[in-house]
Structure formats: C-alpha cells, structure tokens
Amino acid sequence: MKTSINFKAVKSDSETHNFRKKTFDYIRKDLTSKNEYWQEQKIADRIQKIETYCKEKSGRKLQKNAMPVREAVVVIKENTTMQDLHNLSKQLEEELKISVFQIAIHKDEGHYDKDTNEWKPNYHAHLVADWQDLETGKTLKHQSFHYSKMQDITAECLGMERGISGSKARLEAIQFKIKKEEEYLKILEERKNEIKKELSSEKFEELIIKEPDFLGFQRMKTEKTLMNMEKIFKVQKAQLLKNKTDLEAKTKQIAEFSTKNESLKKEVQFYKSKNTTLLTNESVFAVEKKKYLDSVMNTLEKAIQFERLKQPYLKVDDKKQLIDRLSKISEQVSKDNNISFSAFDEIFKNPNNVAQLFTLLRFGIDQNKSTSIKDTSLKTDNQTEQKEPEKRRRLRR
C-alpha cells in the first residue's frame, strides 16, 4: 500500500470532524467505535499560545495570513496503530520541527463498490500540527526537499510504500486515461463486428417481414422489419454491457488480489531479513530493542497525558491508586497497539521510568501553574541553544 502526507491550513470544524463531535451522513456509525483519538491540546488554546510566543519572541504580532496550525490526512493500513503515528510525529518534530498535538484515526469512512456492492474502507489519520519555528517565533519555512523528506519519513514510520511524486502521478493518470479509451474503442469494435456478423447471417433474413402486395408479390414491410431489428439490437446491447460490467468487476478483483499479494510478499521478505539481522547481530538487536522500548515509553506517556487532559482536576496521590491507574492505561495501550506486556515489564524495571510515569499521572500537564514553557524559554535561549531539540520536545508538553 502507498501512503502520503500533505499538510494544509487547519479548518474551523476540524475538531468536530476529527473527534466525531457530531454525526456525519458519509460515515458508517457501526464502525465509529474502531476510531482512535489523542490530543495534547485544543486548537484554539494552541493558536493563542503561538500568537503570544510570536509577539514575545519577535516583537511583532503573528501575520494575518500565517498558517500557524496545519492539518494533514495520512493514508494508513488497517493495522496501523496510534504508536506508529506517535513515532511518525516524533520523527517529524526531530527532523522538520513540526510538532503534532492532535491525532485521529478514522476507520468508519469509505464507500460501497458500485459493481460488487462491497465495502471499500478509506483508512486514514488526521494529524494536526503546530507550525511555529521556536527560534524565530514565526511559522516554519520549508523547501521542496523538506516536503519530499516528509513523504519518506511517513512511509518509513508506517511501513508502507512511498507515494509517487506529482509529475509522475500526472503522467500515470494520462497513461491510465489513454488505456481506458483504448479499451473502450476495443469494446466498440467488438460490438460492431458482432452486429455485422448477426446482420450477415441467416438470422438477419428472419428479421425481415414480407407480405404479399395487391399483385401477389412478396414485399418487405419496412415498419415491422425495423421494429424487429430494434428489438434484437437492444438485446445485443444489453448483453454486451452486462459482459463488459462482469469483465471489469473480475479484472478489478484480480488486480486488487495481485497487488495485495505482492505487498504481502514484500512485507514477509522484509521481516524475514530483519529477523535474521536481529538474531545474528547483537549490536543491531540492542539498538532495535532500545528504539522499540523508547517508542513504547513515548506511547505510554502520550496516553497518560491524554487521560489527564480529559480529567485535569483528578487527584491521584495514593501509591496504590497510581499503580492501578498505570496498570489500566498500560493494558489499554497494549491492546490498542498490539504491544506485548513483556515490553512494559522491561520499562517498569527502570525506576526512573516509573517515577516519570507517576509524575505524569499525578500532575499531567499543569496548564494553570505554567506559562507555557515557551515563555520560560525566552529567558534561557542564550544558555541552552545547544539543547534546542530536547527543549522543543519539552515545550510542547
């Protein structure tokens, strides 16, 4: 499967749509329960902080035509998890300074195939991102190669094939249209030949109605003959159309199965190769293990933050309560992201990880005490420029 990501200015009704705050006539309500949601902050609150930071950092108001918050629709697979999208968000922030603060996975949109009436799901995710450059206070400025890099990062993080570039896509679209026209011409040619064959056969003679005239000679009755021919042509046309529809449906199914089969073959080969490397190279195994556990830890932190955002004033001080809540959240994260619980056991072996998670459970993101750490960063920019990547991650929390 191919994926792509394309950020545009966020819409005013984005949260209503993404978090299903009302029903829509183009979704399947019976599948809405399969959707997943995560957010660090509401869009309106984020924009307010961006505007404040821009004024304090640059001394000017944010330009009216700026797009400080943007949204992307990302094509995903059926088994893409929230963990995969958190990994993608992390890469976008580290490499392109794009900070994602809302994610919605939609599995309730799609359409019914007009030929087979089969449901064709449109699996996708909405990523809402902060587009502010923390060094200048203004919006991020990306070049064309940055957008190309964005596509590479997305494909790598989601384990999918990269979408094709715009020029190639246009060329393929033109070639596709030419092919369709050629196929249609072929059908017309076959239809013409069949009609010719019918007309030159004995059946054509049977269509001609002759009756004796007043002198006794057999004469063709034009009106009745034309009616006969019209009937047979209608039957032929209907049959041809039916054959065409059946052929198209079967061809489409064969193409879909072939594509899926090839994709699965590539995926199996990739994992075989990766498993061989992991089993035979200790250093690679150690690096991959750390990378995976960091990803699980990041996903668990995000899940805790989201829970605290939904219940900002909930007090959790008792150690037993902390352990119970951490266990429940971990179980849910394990279930939603297909993570083995042995990964959580590894994380909990480290007392620093447990202390960090307990702190998040107790306090979450303290919106009242802190001026956003953006404000704090103004006083310490000169002293901590070398630590900007780390600071940027803390800023968004």
Protein backbone atom coordinates (compact mmCIF):
# COMPACT_ATOMS: atom_id res chain seq x y z
CA MET A 1 0.00 0.00 0.00
CA LYS A 2 1.12 3.53 -0.75
CA THR A 3 0.92 6.35 1.76
CA SER A 4 1.22 10.11 1.53
CA ILE A 5 1.06 13.14 3.82
CA ASN A 6 0.08 16.66 2.85
CA PHE A 7 -0.34 19.49 5.37
CA LYS A 8 -2.83 22.30 4.73
CA ALA A 9 -4.29 25.09 6.84
CA VAL A 10 -6.47 23.61 9.57
CA LYS A 11 -10.23 24.01 9.06
CA SER A 12 -12.54 25.66 11.58
CA ASP A 13 -14.55 22.46 12.03
CA SER A 14 -11.51 20.19 12.26
CA GLU A 15 -12.07 19.04 15.85
CA THR A 16 -15.78 18.48 15.22
CA HIS A 17 -14.96 16.19 12.31
CA ASN A 18 -11.85 14.51 13.65
CA PHE A 19 -13.18 13.69 17.11
CA ARG A 20 -16.68 12.86 15.83
CA LYS A 21 -18.40 15.51 17.97
CA LYS A 22 -21.42 15.15 15.71
CA THR A 23 -22.65 12.53 13.26
CA PHE A 24 -21.99 12.74 9.53
CA ASP A 25 -24.01 11.13 6.72
CA TYR A 26 -20.88 9.82 4.95
CA ILE A 27 -19.64 7.62 7.79
CA ARG A 28 -20.65 4.15 8.99
CA LYS A 29 -21.77 4.60 12.57
CA ASP A 30 -21.33 0.87 13.27
CA LEU A 31 -17.58 1.28 12.61
CA THR A 32 -17.03 4.54 14.54
CA SER A 33 -16.10 2.59 17.68
CA LYS A 34 -12.95 1.43 15.84
CA ASN A 35 -11.68 5.03 15.60
CA GLU A 36 -8.91 6.18 17.94
CA TYR A 37 -8.16 9.66 19.25
CA TRP A 38 -5.34 11.50 21.02
CA GLN A 39 -4.71 15.16 21.77
CA GLU A 40 -2.29 17.22 23.78
CA GLN A 41 -4.16 20.49 23.46
CA LYS A 42 -7.20 22.10 21.81
CA ILE A 43 -6.59 24.02 18.59
CA ALA A 44 -7.86 27.36 19.97
CA ASP A 45 -5.57 27.11 23.01
CA ARG A 46 -2.59 26.23 20.84
CA ILE A 47 -3.16 29.17 18.48
CA GLN A 48 -3.38 31.55 21.45
CA LYS A 49 -0.03 30.32 22.80
CA ILE A 50 1.55 30.56 19.34
CA GLU A 51 0.41 34.17 18.97
CA THR A 52 1.69 35.09 22.44
CA TYR A 53 5.05 33.44 21.84
CA CYS A 54 5.44 35.12 18.43
CA LYS A 55 4.83 38.58 19.96
CA GLU A 56 7.30 37.98 22.80
CA LYS A 57 9.96 36.34 20.65
CA SER A 58 9.89 38.59 17.56
CA GLY A 59 8.29 41.75 18.96
CA ARG A 60 5.58 41.56 16.30
CA LYS A 61 2.14 40.06 16.02
CA LEU A 62 1.68 36.91 14.00
CA GLN A 63 0.81 37.83 10.42
CA LYS A 64 -2.85 37.57 9.50
CA ASN A 65 -2.16 35.31 6.51
CA ALA A 66 0.08 32.96 8.53
CA MET A 67 -0.95 29.33 8.97
CA PRO A 68 0.43 28.50 12.43
CA VAL A 69 -1.66 25.34 12.80
CA ARG A 70 -1.92 22.87 9.93
CA GLU A 71 -3.57 19.53 9.35
CA ALA A 72 -2.63 16.52 7.27
CA VAL A 73 -4.59 13.49 6.16
CA VAL A 74 -2.33 10.43 6.13
CA VAL A 75 -3.18 7.20 4.30
CA ILE A 76 -2.73 4.28 6.71
CA LYS A 77 -3.19 0.50 6.80
CA GLU A 78 -5.94 -1.33 8.67
CA ASN A 79 -3.46 -2.37 11.34
CA THR A 80 -1.70 1.00 11.74
CA THR A 81 -1.61 1.84 15.45
CA MET A 82 -1.50 5.03 17.49
CA GLN A 83 2.05 4.03 18.42
CA ASP A 84 3.02 4.12 14.72
CA LEU A 85 1.59 7.63 14.42
CA HIS A 86 3.34 8.81 17.60
CA ASN A 87 6.60 7.52 16.09
CA LEU A 88 5.82 9.44 12.91
CA SER A 89 5.08 12.59 14.93
CA LYS A 90 8.37 12.24 16.80
CA GLN A 91 10.32 11.95 13.54
CA LEU A 92 8.54 14.97 12.03
CA GLU A 93 9.46 17.03 15.07
CA GLU A 94 13.07 15.92 15.24
CA GLU A 95 13.81 16.31 11.54
CA LEU A 96 11.42 19.06 10.37
CA LYS A 97 10.43 20.87 13.65
CA ILE A 98 6.75 20.00 13.04
CA SER A 99 5.01 19.39 16.37
CA VAL A 100 1.87 17.21 16.15
CA PHE A 101 -0.55 17.80 19.04
CA GLN A 102 -3.70 16.02 17.82
CA ILE A 103 -4.20 12.64 16.13
CA ALA A 104 -7.42 10.96 14.98
CA ILE A 105 -7.52 7.52 13.33
CA HIS A 106 -10.63 7.05 11.17
CA LYS A 107 -11.85 3.61 10.18
CA ASP A 108 -15.53 4.46 9.60
CA GLU A 109 -15.19 6.21 6.22
CA GLY A 110 -15.25 4.63 2.76
CA HIS A 111 -17.69 3.68 0.01
CA TYR A 112 -19.58 0.74 -1.46
CA ASP A 113 -18.29 -0.57 -4.80
CA LYS A 114 -20.96 0.22 -7.40
CA ASP A 115 -20.38 -3.11 -9.19
CA THR A 116 -19.94 -5.59 -6.33
CA ASN A 117 -21.60 -3.58 -3.51
CA GLU A 118 -18.55 -4.48 -1.40
CA TRP A 119 -17.49 -2.02 1.33
CA LYS A 120 -14.20 -0.31 0.45
CA PRO A 121 -12.80 1.30 3.63
CA ASN A 122 -10.79 4.51 3.50
CA TYR A 123 -8.34 4.07 6.37
CA HIS A 124 -6.66 7.36 7.21
CA ALA A 125 -5.44 9.52 10.09
CA HIS A 126 -5.69 13.24 10.74
CA LEU A 127 -2.56 14.89 12.17
CA VAL A 128 -2.94 18.45 13.49
CA ALA A 129 0.40 20.21 13.95
CA ASP A 130 1.97 23.36 15.38
CA TRP A 131 3.84 25.05 12.52
CA GLN A 132 5.77 27.59 14.61
CA ASP A 133 9.54 27.94 14.48
CA LEU A 134 10.65 28.26 18.12
CA GLU A 135 13.85 30.06 17.14
CA THR A 136 12.09 32.96 15.39
CA GLY A 137 8.52 32.81 16.69
CA LYS A 138 7.31 32.87 13.09
CA THR A 139 5.90 29.99 11.05
CA LEU A 140 8.23 27.31 9.76
CA LYS A 141 9.68 27.76 6.28
CA HIS A 142 10.18 24.53 4.36
CA GLN A 143 11.69 23.97 0.92
CA SER A 144 10.51 21.42 -1.65
CA PHE A 145 13.08 18.85 -0.50
CA HIS A 146 11.64 19.10 3.03
CA TYR A 147 8.24 18.04 1.71
CA SER A 148 9.87 15.17 -0.13
CA LYS A 149 11.59 14.17 3.11
CA MET A 150 8.20 14.31 4.81
CA GLN A 151 6.90 11.63 2.44
CA ASP A 152 9.96 9.45 3.09
CA ILE A 153 9.55 9.72 6.87
CA THR A 154 5.85 8.84 6.66
CA ALA A 155 6.42 5.75 4.51
CA GLU A 156 9.25 4.55 6.75
CA CYS A 157 7.39 5.04 10.05
CA LEU A 158 4.17 3.40 8.80
CA GLY A 159 5.89 0.53 6.99
CA MET A 160 4.25 1.45 3.69
CA GLU A 161 5.35 2.35 0.18
CA ARG A 162 6.05 5.99 -0.56
CA GLY A 163 3.53 7.80 -2.76
CA ILE A 164 4.75 8.83 -6.20
CA SER A 165 5.81 12.40 -6.99
CA GLY A 166 3.37 14.84 -8.54
CA SER A 167 4.79 14.85 -12.09
CA LYS A 168 4.94 11.06 -12.22
CA ALA A 169 1.40 10.83 -10.84
CA ARG A 170 0.12 13.17 -13.57
CA LEU A 171 1.92 11.12 -16.24
CA GLU A 172 0.43 7.89 -14.91
CA ALA A 173 -3.03 9.48 -14.83
CA ILE A 174 -2.73 10.45 -18.50
CA GLN A 175 -1.49 6.96 -19.42
CA PHE A 176 -4.39 5.46 -17.49
CA LYS A 177 -6.91 7.60 -19.40
CA ILE A 178 -5.34 6.59 -22.73
CA LYS A 179 -5.55 2.93 -21.74
CA LYS A 180 -9.22 3.28 -20.75
CA GLU A 181 -10.02 4.95 -24.07
CA GLU A 182 -8.24 2.17 -25.97
CA GLU A 183 -10.21 -0.44 -24.03
CA TYR A 184 -13.47 1.35 -24.81
CA LEU A 185 -12.60 1.52 -28.51
CA LYS A 186 -11.87 -2.20 -28.46
CA ILE A 187 -15.29 -2.90 -26.94
CA LEU A 188 -16.96 -0.75 -29.60
CA GLU A 189 -15.06 -2.60 -32.32
CA GLU A 190 -16.14 -5.98 -30.94
CA ARG A 191 -19.71 -4.77 -30.72
CA LYS A 192 -19.62 -3.55 -34.32
CA ASN A 193 -18.18 -6.84 -35.54
CA GLU A 194 -20.82 -8.84 -33.68
CA ILE A 195 -23.60 -6.75 -35.17
CA LYS A 196 -22.09 -7.18 -38.62
CA LYS A 197 -21.91 -10.91 -38.07
CA GLU A 198 -25.53 -11.01 -36.99
CA LEU A 199 -26.60 -8.91 -39.96
CA SER A 200 -24.74 -11.13 -42.44
CA SER A 201 -26.12 -14.36 -41.01
CA GLU A 202 -29.37 -16.13 -41.69
CA LYS A 203 -30.81 -14.51 -38.56
CA PHE A 204 -30.89 -11.24 -40.41
CA GLU A 205 -33.17 -12.79 -43.04
CA GLU A 206 -35.51 -13.90 -40.26
CA LEU A 207 -35.86 -10.30 -39.11
CA ILE A 208 -37.26 -9.19 -42.48
CA ILE A 209 -41.02 -9.23 -42.58
CA LYS A 210 -42.50 -9.80 -46.06
CA GLU A 211 -46.14 -9.74 -47.03
CA PRO A 212 -47.84 -10.06 -50.46
CA ASP A 213 -48.98 -6.85 -52.08
CA PHE A 214 -52.20 -6.43 -54.10
CA LEU A 215 -50.46 -8.05 -57.14
CA GLY A 216 -49.34 -11.06 -55.08
CA PHE A 217 -45.63 -10.17 -54.95
CA GLN A 218 -43.75 -10.53 -51.62
CA ARG A 219 -42.77 -7.09 -50.40
CA MET A 220 -40.75 -6.15 -47.27
CA LYS A 221 -42.80 -4.35 -44.63
CA THR A 222 -40.39 -1.62 -43.57
CA GLU A 223 -42.03 -0.62 -40.28
CA LYS A 224 -42.35 -4.17 -38.91
CA THR A 225 -38.82 -5.09 -40.06
CA LEU A 226 -37.31 -2.06 -38.30
CA MET A 227 -39.18 -2.92 -35.11
CA ASN A 228 -37.71 -6.44 -35.23
CA MET A 229 -34.21 -5.09 -35.79
CA GLU A 230 -34.59 -2.57 -32.95
CA LYS A 231 -35.56 -5.35 -30.55
CA ILE A 232 -32.59 -7.54 -31.46
CA PHE A 233 -30.18 -4.59 -31.23
CA LYS A 234 -31.47 -3.77 -27.73
CA VAL A 235 -30.92 -7.36 -26.62
CA GLN A 236 -27.40 -7.33 -28.08
CA LYS A 237 -26.55 -4.02 -26.45
CA ALA A 238 -27.80 -5.19 -23.03
CA GLN A 239 -25.79 -8.40 -23.31
CA LEU A 240 -22.65 -6.54 -24.33
CA LEU A 241 -22.99 -4.11 -21.43
CA LYS A 242 -23.52 -6.98 -18.99
CA ASN A 243 -20.45 -8.79 -20.30
CA LYS A 244 -18.43 -5.59 -20.05
CA THR A 245 -19.53 -4.98 -16.44
CA ASP A 246 -18.79 -8.56 -15.40
CA LEU A 247 -15.39 -8.44 -17.08
CA GLU A 248 -14.48 -5.13 -15.43
CA ALA A 249 -15.51 -6.41 -11.98
CA LYS A 250 -13.46 -9.60 -12.35
CA THR A 251 -10.44 -7.73 -13.74
CA LYS A 252 -10.63 -5.26 -10.86
CA GLN A 253 -10.75 -8.07 -8.29
CA ILE A 254 -7.82 -9.87 -9.89
CA ALA A 255 -5.77 -6.64 -9.89
CA GLU A 256 -6.58 -5.97 -6.21
CA PHE A 257 -5.65 -9.51 -5.17
CA SER A 258 -2.43 -9.36 -7.19
CA THR A 259 -1.43 -6.04 -5.62
CA LYS A 260 -2.23 -7.27 -2.12
CA ASN A 261 -0.33 -10.49 -2.75
CA GLU A 262 2.77 -8.62 -3.94
CA SER A 263 2.57 -6.26 -0.96
CA LEU A 264 2.36 -9.17 1.48
CA LYS A 265 5.29 -10.92 -0.20
CA LYS A 266 7.43 -7.80 0.18
CA GLU A 267 6.36 -7.41 3.81
CA VAL A 268 7.16 -11.04 4.63
CA GLN A 269 10.56 -10.75 2.93
CA PHE A 270 11.31 -7.53 4.82
CA TYR A 271 10.52 -9.08 8.21
CA LYS A 272 12.45 -12.26 7.39
CA SER A 273 15.50 -10.18 6.55
CA LYS A 274 15.08 -8.01 9.65
CA ASN A 275 14.63 -11.03 11.93
CA THR A 276 17.78 -12.66 10.51
CA THR A 277 19.78 -9.50 11.23
CA LEU A 278 18.38 -9.19 14.75
CA LEU A 279 19.13 -12.82 15.58
CA THR A 280 22.69 -12.79 14.25
CA ASN A 281 23.90 -9.30 15.21
CA GLU A 282 23.89 -8.45 18.93
CA SER A 283 24.63 -4.76 18.50
CA VAL A 284 21.79 -4.33 15.98
CA PHE A 285 19.47 -6.22 18.33
CA ALA A 286 20.41 -3.94 21.25
CA VAL A 287 19.84 -0.79 19.17
CA GLU A 288 16.47 -2.02 17.85
CA LYS A 289 15.38 -3.12 21.32
CA LYS A 290 16.16 0.29 22.82
CA LYS A 291 14.46 2.03 19.91
CA TYR A 292 11.33 -0.10 20.38
CA LEU A 293 11.19 0.37 24.18
CA ASP A 294 11.63 4.14 23.74
CA SER A 295 8.70 4.07 21.32
CA VAL A 296 6.54 2.14 23.81
CA MET A 297 7.50 4.55 26.60
CA ASN A 298 6.62 7.52 24.39
CA THR A 299 3.24 5.98 23.53
CA LEU A 300 2.52 5.29 27.21
CA GLU A 301 3.40 8.88 28.16
CA LYS A 302 1.12 10.23 25.43
CA ALA A 303 -1.73 8.01 26.63
CA ILE A 304 -1.30 9.22 30.21
CA GLN A 305 -1.23 12.85 29.07
CA PHE A 306 -4.42 12.32 27.12
CA GLU A 307 -6.13 10.76 30.16
CA ARG A 308 -5.03 13.69 32.32
CA LEU A 309 -6.29 16.15 29.72
CA LYS A 310 -9.74 14.54 29.90
CA GLN A 311 -9.67 14.68 33.72
CA PRO A 312 -7.40 17.67 34.55
CA TYR A 313 -8.53 18.08 38.17
CA LEU A 314 -8.44 14.41 39.17
CA LYS A 315 -6.14 13.90 42.16
CA VAL A 316 -4.12 10.69 42.27
CA ASP A 317 -1.74 10.70 45.26
CA ASP A 318 -2.03 7.29 46.84
CA LYS A 319 0.63 4.84 45.58
CA LYS A 320 -1.91 2.03 45.16
CA GLN A 321 -4.11 4.33 43.05
CA LEU A 322 -1.11 5.27 40.92
CA ILE A 323 -0.22 1.62 40.33
CA ASP A 324 -3.84 0.72 39.48
CA ARG A 325 -4.21 3.59 37.00
CA LEU A 326 -0.85 2.88 35.39
CA SER A 327 -1.80 -0.80 35.02
CA LYS A 328 -5.15 0.03 33.39
CA ILE A 329 -3.64 2.54 30.98
CA SER A 330 -0.82 0.11 30.11
CA GLU A 331 -3.32 -2.68 29.41
CA GLN A 332 -5.29 -0.39 27.09
CA VAL A 333 -2.14 0.78 25.28
CA SER A 334 -1.05 -2.85 24.93
CA LYS A 335 -4.41 -3.84 23.45
CA ASP A 336 -4.77 -0.85 21.08
CA ASN A 337 -1.21 -1.05 19.73
CA ASN A 338 -0.57 -4.82 19.80
CA ILE A 339 2.30 -4.39 22.26
CA SER A 340 3.40 -7.41 24.28
CA PHE A 341 3.18 -6.78 28.01
CA SER A 342 6.77 -8.00 28.34
CA ALA A 343 7.76 -4.61 26.83
CA PHE A 344 6.05 -2.82 29.73
CA ASP A 345 7.82 -5.13 32.20
CA GLU A 346 11.14 -4.02 30.69
CA ILE A 347 10.15 -0.36 31.05
CA PHE A 348 8.97 -0.76 34.64
CA LYS A 349 12.29 -2.35 35.64
CA ASN A 350 13.82 1.13 35.36
CA PRO A 351 12.87 3.16 38.49
CA ASN A 352 13.42 6.45 36.62
CA ASN A 353 10.75 5.45 34.07
CA VAL A 354 8.29 4.56 36.83
CA ALA A 355 8.97 7.85 38.65
CA GLN A 356 8.41 9.80 35.41
CA LEU A 357 5.13 8.00 34.69
CA PHE A 358 3.90 8.51 38.27
CA THR A 359 4.66 12.23 37.97
CA LEU A 360 2.58 12.41 34.79
CA LEU A 361 -0.25 10.53 36.49
CA ARG A 362 -0.20 12.93 39.44
CA PHE A 363 0.07 16.22 37.62
CA GLY A 364 -0.33 15.69 33.87
CA ILE A 365 0.29 18.95 32.03
CA ASP A 366 -0.22 21.76 34.52
CA GLN A 367 -1.93 24.37 32.38
CA ASN A 368 -2.60 26.82 35.23
CA LYS A 369 0.78 26.96 37.00
CA SER A 370 2.93 27.25 33.95
CA THR A 371 3.08 29.92 31.47
CA SER A 372 3.78 27.60 28.54
CA ILE A 373 7.40 26.56 28.74
CA LYS A 374 7.58 28.62 25.58
CA ASP A 375 7.56 31.67 27.87
CA THR A 376 10.26 30.24 30.12
CA SER A 377 12.41 29.52 27.07
CA LEU A 378 12.62 33.25 26.30
CA LYS A 379 14.78 33.77 29.39
CA THR A 380 17.10 30.85 28.73
CA ASP A 381 17.54 30.83 24.95
CA ASN A 382 21.12 32.10 25.02
CA GLN A 383 22.21 29.50 27.59
CA THR A 384 20.57 26.45 26.02
CA GLU A 385 20.77 26.81 22.25
CA GLN A 386 22.76 23.58 22.03
CA LYS A 387 19.90 21.69 23.73
CA GLU A 388 17.17 23.05 21.42
CA PRO A 389 15.93 19.62 20.14
CA GLU A 390 15.41 18.39 23.71
CA LYS A 391 13.85 21.68 24.77
CA ARG A 392 11.48 21.62 21.81
CA ARG A 393 10.06 18.28 22.93
CA ARG A 394 9.54 19.65 26.45
CA LEU A 395 7.97 22.84 25.11
CA ARG A 396 5.08 21.04 23.54
CA ARG A 397 4.27 19.23 26.77
